[in-house]
PDB file of N, CA and C in Angstrom:
ATOM      1  N   MET A   1      48.040 -14.098  22.522  1.00  0.00           N
ATOM      2  CA  MET A   1      47.771 -12.532  21.995  1.00  0.00           C
ATOM      3  C   MET A   1      47.681 -11.761  22.779  1.00  0.00           C
ATOM      4  N   SER A   2      47.900 -10.749  22.115  1.00  0.00           N
ATOM      5  CA  SER A   2      47.911  -9.448  24.049  1.00  0.00           C
ATOM      6  C   SER A   2      46.151  -9.255  23.418  1.00  0.00           C
ATOM      7  N   PHE A   3      46.071  -8.147  24.979  1.00  0.00           N
ATOM      8  CA  PHE A   3      45.072  -7.171  24.778  1.00  0.00           C
ATOM      9  C   PHE A   3      44.521  -6.638  23.831  1.00  0.00           C
ATOM     10  N   ASP A   4      45.388  -5.604  23.452  1.00  0.00           N
ATOM     11  CA  ASP A   4      45.337  -5.423  22.617  1.00  0.00           C
ATOM     12  C   ASP A   4      44.252  -5.410  21.311  1.00  0.00           C
ATOM     13  N   VAL A   5      44.949  -6.907  20.685  1.00  0.00           N
ATOM     14  CA  VAL A   5      44.893  -7.029  19.906  1.00  0.00           C
ATOM     15  C   VAL A   5      43.186  -8.087  19.597  1.00  0.00           C
ATOM     16  N   LEU A   6      42.967  -8.916  20.857  1.00  0.00           N
ATOM     17  CA  LEU A   6      41.944  -9.184  21.194  1.00  0.00           C
ATOM     18  C   LEU A   6      40.645  -8.065  21.452  1.00  0.00           C
ATOM     19  N   GLU A   7      41.053  -6.830  22.195  1.00  0.00           N
ATOM     20  CA  GLU A   7      40.210  -5.450  21.736  1.00  0.00           C
ATOM     21  C   GLU A   7      39.920  -5.394  20.071  1.00  0.00           C
ATOM     22  N   LYS A   8      41.327  -5.505  19.379  1.00  0.00           N
ATOM     23  CA  LYS A   8      40.681  -5.149  18.227  1.00  0.00           C
ATOM     24  C   LYS A   8      40.031  -6.296  17.451  1.00  0.00           C
ATOM     25  N   LEU A   9      39.713  -6.979  17.679  1.00  0.00           N
ATOM     26  CA  LEU A   9      38.928  -8.433  17.282  1.00  0.00           C
ATOM     27  C   LEU A   9      37.513  -8.146  18.144  1.00  0.00           C
ATOM     28  N   GLU A  10      37.948  -7.806  18.646  1.00  0.00           N
ATOM     29  CA  GLU A  10      36.390  -7.773  19.265  1.00  0.00           C
ATOM     30  C   GLU A  10      35.565  -6.140  19.451  1.00  0.00           C
ATOM     31  N   THR A  11      36.375  -5.345  18.761  1.00  0.00           N
ATOM     32  CA  THR A  11      35.952  -4.308  18.448  1.00  0.00           C
ATOM     33  C   THR A  11      35.236  -4.577  16.461  1.00  0.00           C
ATOM     34  N   LYS A  12      35.928  -5.021  15.730  1.00  0.00           N
ATOM     35  CA  LYS A  12      35.559  -5.510  14.551  1.00  0.00           C
ATOM     36  C   LYS A  12      34.430  -6.653  14.198  1.00  0.00           C
ATOM     37  N   ILE A  13      33.942  -7.076  14.821  1.00  0.00           N
ATOM     38  CA  ILE A  13      33.338  -8.498  15.541  1.00  0.00           C
ATOM     39  C   ILE A  13      32.221  -8.129  15.965  1.00  0.00           C
ATOM     40  N   GLN A  14      32.365  -6.956  16.639  1.00  0.00           N
ATOM     41  CA  GLN A  14      30.402  -6.202  16.720  1.00  0.00           C
ATOM     42  C   GLN A  14      30.302  -5.401  16.185  1.00  0.00           C
ATOM     43  N   ALA A  15      30.769  -4.487  15.001  1.00  0.00           N
ATOM     44  CA  ALA A  15      30.882  -3.710  13.971  1.00  0.00           C
ATOM     45  C   ALA A  15      29.886  -4.609  12.741  1.00  0.00           C
ATOM     46  N   ALA A  16      31.213  -5.781  12.790  1.00  0.00           N
ATOM     47  CA  ALA A  16      30.194  -6.883  11.612  1.00  0.00           C
ATOM     48  C   ALA A  16      29.200  -7.574  12.280  1.00  0.00           C
ATOM     49  N   VAL A  17      28.557  -7.455  13.551  1.00  0.00           N
ATOM     50  CA  VAL A  17      27.409  -8.173  14.499  1.00  0.00           C
ATOM     51  C   VAL A  17      26.425  -6.849  14.103  1.00  0.00           C
ATOM     52  N   ASP A  18      26.853  -5.510  14.284  1.00  0.00           N
ATOM     53  CA  ASP A  18      25.983  -4.643  13.981  1.00  0.00           C
ATOM     54  C   ASP A  18      25.210  -4.432  12.332  1.00  0.00           C
ATOM     55  N   ALA A  19      26.346  -4.063  11.960  1.00  0.00           N
ATOM     56  CA  ALA A  19      26.357  -4.057  10.164  1.00  0.00           C
ATOM     57  C   ALA A  19      24.905  -5.072  10.003  1.00  0.00           C
ATOM     58  N   ILE A  20      24.749  -6.118   9.991  1.00  0.00           N
ATOM     59  CA  ILE A  20      24.171  -8.110   9.931  1.00  0.00           C
ATOM     60  C   ILE A  20      23.272  -6.801  10.170  1.00  0.00           C
ATOM     61  N   ASP A  21      22.531  -6.750  11.613  1.00  0.00           N
ATOM     62  CA  ASP A  21      21.688  -6.102  12.222  1.00  0.00           C
ATOM     63  C   ASP A  21      21.121  -5.239  11.359  1.00  0.00           C
ATOM     64  N   LEU A  22      21.896  -4.678  10.495  1.00  0.00           N
ATOM     65  CA  LEU A  22      21.057  -3.005  10.248  1.00  0.00           C
ATOM     66  C   LEU A  22      20.658  -3.816   8.822  1.00  0.00           C
ATOM     67  N   LEU A  23      21.475  -4.465   7.775  1.00  0.00           N
ATOM     68  CA  LEU A  23      21.127  -5.358   6.804  1.00  0.00           C
ATOM     69  C   LEU A  23      19.798  -6.262   6.490  1.00  0.00           C
ATOM     70  N   GLN A  24      19.696  -6.929   8.033  1.00  0.00           N
ATOM     71  CA  GLN A  24      18.829  -8.122   8.842  1.00  0.00           C
ATOM     72  C   GLN A  24      17.368  -6.576   8.140  1.00  0.00           C
ATOM     73  N   MET A  25      17.280  -5.886   9.065  1.00  0.00           N
ATOM     74  CA  MET A  25      16.532  -4.838   9.665  1.00  0.00           C
ATOM     75  C   MET A  25      16.261  -4.481   7.991  1.00  0.00           C
ATOM     76  N   GLU A  26      17.055  -3.677   7.120  1.00  0.00           N
ATOM     77  CA  GLU A  26      16.871  -3.771   5.707  1.00  0.00           C
ATOM     78  C   GLU A  26      16.198  -4.443   5.025  1.00  0.00           C
ATOM     79  N   VAL A  27      16.746  -5.727   5.272  1.00  0.00           N
ATOM     80  CA  VAL A  27      16.038  -6.709   3.949  1.00  0.00           C
ATOM     81  C   VAL A  27      14.193  -6.654   4.673  1.00  0.00           C
ATOM     82  N   GLU A  28      14.387  -6.388   5.950  1.00  0.00           N
ATOM     83  CA  GLU A  28      12.418  -6.440   6.949  1.00  0.00           C
ATOM     84  C   GLU A  28      12.088  -5.675   6.120  1.00  0.00           C
ATOM     85  N   GLU A  29      12.445  -4.149   6.074  1.00  0.00           N
ATOM     86  CA  GLU A  29      12.013  -3.089   5.449  1.00  0.00           C
ATOM     87  C   GLU A  29      11.413  -3.220   3.765  1.00  0.00           C
ATOM     88  N   LEU A  30      12.324  -4.133   3.350  1.00  0.00           N
ATOM     89  CA  LEU A  30      12.206  -4.531   2.041  1.00  0.00           C
ATOM     90  C   LEU A  30      11.689  -5.141   1.405  1.00  0.00           C
ATOM     91  N   LYS A  31      10.935  -6.337   2.373  1.00  0.00           N
ATOM     92  CA  LYS A  31      10.389  -7.562   2.349  1.00  0.00           C
ATOM     93  C   LYS A  31       9.237  -6.852   2.584  1.00  0.00           C
ATOM     94  N   GLU A  32       8.579  -6.136   3.138  1.00  0.00           N
ATOM     95  CA  GLU A  32       7.165  -5.289   3.801  1.00  0.00           C
ATOM     96  C   GLU A  32       7.250  -4.543   2.232  1.00  0.00           C
ATOM     97  N   LEU A  33       7.983  -4.177   1.660  1.00  0.00           N
ATOM     98  CA  LEU A  33       7.814  -2.683   0.815  1.00  0.00           C
ATOM     99  C   LEU A  33       7.281  -3.388  -0.401  1.00  0.00           C
ATOM    100  N   ASN A  34       7.826  -4.627  -0.875  1.00  0.00           N
ATOM    101  CA  ASN A  34       7.610  -5.617  -1.936  1.00  0.00           C
ATOM    102  C   ASN A  34       6.348  -6.127  -1.878  1.00  0.00           C
ATOM    103  N   GLY A  35       6.203  -6.596   0.229  1.00  0.00           N
ATOM    104  CA  GLY A  35       4.536  -6.754  -0.367  1.00  0.00           C
ATOM    105  C   GLY A  35       3.396  -6.011  -0.958  1.00  0.00           C
ATOM    106  N   LYS A  36       3.924  -4.496  -0.612  1.00  0.00           N
ATOM    107  CA  LYS A  36       2.897  -3.794  -0.483  1.00  0.00           C
ATOM    108  C   LYS A  36       3.439  -3.800  -1.971  1.00  0.00           C
ATOM    109  N   LEU A  37       4.098  -3.327  -3.010  1.00  0.00           N
ATOM    110  CA  LEU A  37       4.153  -2.985  -3.980  1.00  0.00           C
ATOM    111  C   LEU A  37       3.284  -4.172  -4.947  1.00  0.00           C
ATOM    112  N   GLY A  38       3.905  -5.324  -4.400  1.00  0.00           N
ATOM    113  CA  GLY A  38       3.101  -6.559  -4.910  1.00  0.00           C
ATOM    114  C   GLY A  38       1.497  -6.261  -4.564  1.00  0.00           C
ATOM    115  N   GLU A  39       1.138  -6.061  -3.997  1.00  0.00           N
ATOM    116  CA  GLU A  39      -0.784  -5.640  -4.123  1.00  0.00           C
ATOM    117  C   GLU A  39      -1.190  -4.502  -4.036  1.00  0.00           C
ATOM    118  N   GLU A  40      -0.097  -3.877  -4.180  1.00  0.00           N
ATOM    119  CA  GLU A  40      -0.375  -2.537  -5.274  1.00  0.00           C
ATOM    120  C   GLU A  40      -0.952  -3.196  -7.078  1.00  0.00           C
ATOM    121  N   ASN A  41       0.279  -3.997  -7.242  1.00  0.00           N
ATOM    122  CA  ASN A  41       0.491  -4.067  -8.669  1.00  0.00           C
ATOM    123  C   ASN A  41      -0.536  -5.142  -9.286  1.00  0.00           C
ATOM    124  N   GLN A  42      -1.447  -5.942  -7.794  1.00  0.00           N
ATOM    125  CA  GLN A  42      -2.497  -6.661  -8.331  1.00  0.00           C
ATOM    126  C   GLN A  42      -3.648  -6.081  -8.368  1.00  0.00           C
ATOM    127  N   GLN A  43      -3.522  -4.842  -7.780  1.00  0.00           N
ATOM    128  CA  GLN A  43      -5.030  -3.841  -7.402  1.00  0.00           C
ATOM    129  C   GLN A  43      -4.831  -3.518  -8.713  1.00  0.00           C
ATOM    130  N   LEU A  44      -3.857  -2.813  -9.589  1.00  0.00           N
ATOM    131  CA  LEU A  44      -3.539  -1.992 -10.690  1.00  0.00           C
ATOM    132  C   LEU A  44      -3.701  -2.852 -11.417  1.00  0.00           C
ATOM    133  N   LYS A  45      -3.598  -4.487 -11.848  1.00  0.00           N
ATOM    134  CA  LYS A  45      -3.976  -5.294 -12.372  1.00  0.00           C
ATOM    135  C   LYS A  45      -5.576  -5.495 -12.745  1.00  0.00           C
ATOM    136  N   GLN A  46      -6.039  -4.974 -11.673  1.00  0.00           N
ATOM    137  CA  GLN A  46      -7.716  -5.248 -11.332  1.00  0.00           C
ATOM    138  C   GLN A  46      -7.921  -4.234 -12.290  1.00  0.00           C
ATOM    139  N   ASN A  47      -7.807  -2.898 -11.632  1.00  0.00           N
ATOM    140  CA  ASN A  47      -8.630  -2.206 -12.239  1.00  0.00           C
ATOM    141  C   ASN A  47      -8.354  -2.231 -13.801  1.00  0.00           C
ATOM    142  N   HIS A  48      -7.034  -1.993 -14.312  1.00  0.00           N
ATOM    143  CA  HIS A  48      -6.385  -2.502 -16.167  1.00  0.00           C
ATOM    144  C   HIS A  48      -7.557  -2.757 -16.796  1.00  0.00           C
ATOM    145  N   SER A  49      -7.947  -4.367 -16.248  1.00  0.00           N
ATOM    146  CA  SER A  49      -9.063  -5.628 -16.140  1.00  0.00           C
ATOM    147  C   SER A  49     -10.242  -4.943 -16.953  1.00  0.00           C
ATOM    148  N   GLN A  50     -10.628  -4.411 -15.181  1.00  0.00           N
ATOM    149  CA  GLN A  50     -12.622  -3.595 -15.374  1.00  0.00           C
ATOM    150  C   GLN A  50     -11.892  -2.283 -16.509  1.00  0.00           C
ATOM    151  N   LEU A  51     -10.822  -1.869 -16.328  1.00  0.00           N
ATOM    152  CA  LEU A  51     -10.917  -0.213 -17.840  1.00  0.00           C
ATOM    153  C   LEU A  51     -11.041  -1.199 -18.775  1.00  0.00           C
ATOM    154  N   ASP A  52     -10.884  -2.359 -19.071  1.00  0.00           N
ATOM    155  CA  ASP A  52     -10.265  -2.906 -20.624  1.00  0.00           C
ATOM    156  C   ASP A  52     -11.362  -3.735 -21.119  1.00  0.00           C
ATOM    157  N   GLN A  53     -12.563  -3.681 -19.784  1.00  0.00           N
ATOM    158  CA  GLN A  53     -13.909  -4.654 -20.031  1.00  0.00           C
ATOM    159  C   GLN A  53     -14.472  -2.997 -19.956  1.00  0.00           C
ATOM    160  N   GLU A  54     -14.520  -2.045 -19.169  1.00  0.00           N
ATOM    161  CA  GLU A  54     -15.779  -0.714 -19.756  1.00  0.00           C
ATOM    162  C   GLU A  54     -15.136  -0.420 -21.300  1.00  0.00           C
ATOM    163  N   ASN A  55     -14.251  -0.015 -22.042  1.00  0.00           N
ATOM    164  CA  ASN A  55     -13.658  -0.327 -22.755  1.00  0.00           C
ATOM    165  C   ASN A  55     -14.214  -0.813 -24.134  1.00  0.00           C
ATOM    166  N   GLN A  56     -14.639  -1.989 -23.653  1.00  0.00           N
ATOM    167  CA  GLN A  56     -15.007  -2.873 -24.646  1.00  0.00           C
ATOM    168  C   GLN A  56     -16.559  -2.482 -24.452  1.00  0.00           C
ATOM    169  N   GLN A  57     -16.848  -2.383 -23.459  1.00  0.00           N
ATOM    170  CA  GLN A  57     -18.825  -2.012 -23.118  1.00  0.00           C
ATOM    171  C   GLN A  57     -18.929  -0.939 -23.874  1.00  0.00           C
ATOM    172  N   LEU A  58     -17.741   0.238 -23.573  1.00  0.00           N
ATOM    173  CA  LEU A  58     -18.269   1.397 -24.477  1.00  0.00           C
ATOM    174  C   LEU A  58     -18.362   1.372 -26.331  1.00  0.00           C
ATOM    175  N   LYS A  59     -17.088  -0.038 -26.441  1.00  0.00           N
ATOM    176  CA  LYS A  59     -16.880   0.488 -28.337  1.00  0.00           C
ATOM    177  C   LYS A  59     -18.087  -0.735 -28.686  1.00  0.00           C
ATOM    178  N   GLN A  60     -18.501  -1.268 -28.094  1.00  0.00           N
ATOM    179  CA  GLN A  60     -19.408  -1.714 -28.929  1.00  0.00           C
ATOM    180  C   GLN A  60     -20.936  -1.352 -28.611  1.00  0.00           C
ATOM    181  N   GLN A  61     -21.286   0.199 -27.526  1.00  0.00           N
ATOM    182  CA  GLN A  61     -22.163   0.565 -27.804  1.00  0.00           C
ATOM    183  C   GLN A  61     -21.832   1.666 -28.316  1.00  0.00           C
ATOM    184  N   HIS A  62     -20.696   1.824 -28.759  1.00  0.00           N
ATOM    185  CA  HIS A  62     -20.597   3.106 -30.358  1.00  0.00           C
ATOM    186  C   HIS A  62     -20.880   2.506 -31.467  1.00  0.00           C
ATOM    187  N   GLU A  63     -20.574   1.456 -31.500  1.00  0.00           N
ATOM    188  CA  GLU A  63     -20.545   0.502 -32.776  1.00  0.00           C
ATOM    189  C   GLU A  63     -22.445   0.592 -32.991  1.00  0.00           C
ATOM    190  N   ALA A  64     -22.974   0.387 -31.779  1.00  0.00           N
ATOM    191  CA  ALA A  64     -24.540  -0.181 -31.557  1.00  0.00           C
ATOM    192  C   ALA A  64     -25.116   1.787 -32.491  1.00  0.00           C
ATOM    193  N   TRP A  65     -25.039   2.452 -31.535  1.00  0.00           N
ATOM    194  CA  TRP A  65     -25.006   4.064 -32.543  1.00  0.00           C
ATOM    195  C   TRP A  65     -24.305   4.072 -33.589  1.00  0.00           C
ATOM    196  N   GLN A  66     -23.400   3.910 -33.721  1.00  0.00           N
ATOM    197  CA  GLN A  66     -23.233   4.010 -35.493  1.00  0.00           C
ATOM    198  C   GLN A  66     -24.041   3.623 -36.930  1.00  0.00           C
ATOM    199  N   ASP A  67     -24.976   2.221 -35.925  1.00  0.00           N
ATOM    200  CA  ASP A  67     -25.380   1.051 -36.595  1.00  0.00           C
ATOM    201  C   ASP A  67     -26.667   1.593 -37.108  1.00  0.00           C
ATOM    202  N   ARG A  68     -27.202   2.437 -35.687  1.00  0.00           N
ATOM    203  CA  ARG A  68     -28.709   3.269 -35.452  1.00  0.00           C
ATOM    204  C   ARG A  68     -28.642   4.578 -36.621  1.00  0.00           C
ATOM    205  N   LEU A  69     -27.395   5.223 -36.723  1.00  0.00           N
ATOM    206  CA  LEU A  69     -27.866   6.277 -37.038  1.00  0.00           C
ATOM    207  C   LEU A  69     -27.351   5.792 -38.767  1.00  0.00           C
ATOM    208  N   ARG A  70     -26.650   4.441 -39.046  1.00  0.00           N
ATOM    209  CA  ARG A  70     -26.752   4.298 -40.250  1.00  0.00           C
ATOM    210  C   ARG A  70     -28.110   4.182 -40.833  1.00  0.00           C
ATOM    211  N   VAL A  71     -28.834   3.299 -40.083  1.00  0.00           N
ATOM    212  CA  VAL A  71     -30.251   3.634 -40.633  1.00  0.00           C
ATOM    213  C   VAL A  71     -30.578   4.360 -40.774  1.00  0.00           C
ATOM    214  N   LEU A  72     -30.526   5.103 -39.959  1.00  0.00           N
ATOM    215  CA  LEU A  72     -31.683   6.163 -39.727  1.00  0.00           C
ATOM    216  C   LEU A  72     -31.099   7.446 -41.100  1.00  0.00           C
ATOM    217  N   LEU A  73     -30.231   7.269 -41.187  1.00  0.00           N
ATOM    218  CA  LEU A  73     -29.611   8.459 -42.825  1.00  0.00           C
ATOM    219  C   LEU A  73     -30.359   7.625 -43.508  1.00  0.00           C
ATOM    220  N   GLY A  74     -29.958   6.108 -43.674  1.00  0.00           N
ATOM    221  CA  GLY A  74     -31.004   5.492 -45.101  1.00  0.00           C
ATOM    222  C   GLY A  74     -32.202   5.532 -45.027  1.00  0.00           C
ATOM    223  N   LYS A  75     -32.720   5.835 -44.027  1.00  0.00           N
ATOM    224  CA  LYS A  75     -34.148   5.638 -44.615  1.00  0.00           C
ATOM    225  C   LYS A  75     -34.891   7.506 -44.598  1.00  0.00           C
ATOM    226  N   ILE A  76     -33.393   8.502 -44.364  1.00  0.00           N
ATOM    227  CA  ILE A  76     -33.889   9.736 -44.530  1.00  0.00           C
ATOM    228  C   ILE A  76     -33.429  10.513 -45.623  1.00  0.00           C
ATOM    229  N   ASP A  77     -32.629   8.827 -46.263  1.00  0.00           N
ATOM    230  CA  ASP A  77     -32.668   8.709 -47.897  1.00  0.00           C
ATOM    231  C   ASP A  77     -33.145   8.369 -49.006  1.00  0.00           C
ATOM    232  N   GLN A  78     -34.289   7.538 -48.166  1.00  0.00           N
ATOM    233  CA  GLN A  78     -35.222   6.686 -49.012  1.00  0.00           C
ATOM    234  C   GLN A  78     -36.280   8.092 -48.776  1.00  0.00           C
ATOM    235  N   VAL A  79     -36.929   8.142 -48.148  1.00  0.00           N
ATOM    236  CA  VAL A  79     -37.551   9.370 -48.204  1.00  0.00           C
ATOM    237  C   VAL A  79     -37.231  10.542 -49.398  1.00  0.00           C
ATOM    238  N   GLU A  80     -36.255  11.325 -48.940  1.00  0.00           N
ATOM    239  CA  GLU A  80     -35.684  12.354 -49.892  1.00  0.00           C
ATOM    240  C   GLU A  80     -35.620  11.456 -51.382  1.00  0.00           C
ATOM    241  N   GLU A  81     -35.182  10.582 -51.887  1.00  0.00           N
ATOM    242  CA  GLU A  81     -35.850   9.791 -52.565  1.00  0.00           C
ATOM    243  C   GLU A  81     -37.145   9.532 -53.661  1.00  0.00           C
ATOM    244  N   SER A  82     -38.512   9.320 -52.330  1.00  0.00           N
ATOM    245  CA  SER A  82     -39.230   9.174 -53.347  1.00  0.00           C
ATOM    246  C   SER A  82     -39.550  10.356 -53.524  1.00  0.00           C
ATOM    247  N   ALA A  83     -39.777  11.609 -52.933  1.00  0.00           N
ATOM    248  CA  ALA A  83     -39.468  12.507 -52.621  1.00  0.00           C
ATOM    249  C   ALA A  83     -40.205  13.894 -53.809  1.00  0.00           C
TER     250      ALA A  83
END
């Protein structure tokens, strides 16, 4: 083989090695990003769960207030009827 062919082959091999190194760094960055996004997703799920619980509590409180209001309105109606 001629010296030129070996130099071209070496250049191509070096370019391939450099490309592989860059891709490996990109893979590592993407793995880190994926981990961060996974943690963020988990936190958002926890927040969603907490908000669901709070929403349920507020709905129950709302229903309790509606029941109290109905009772009071019923009492007012009874007072008006007896008057």
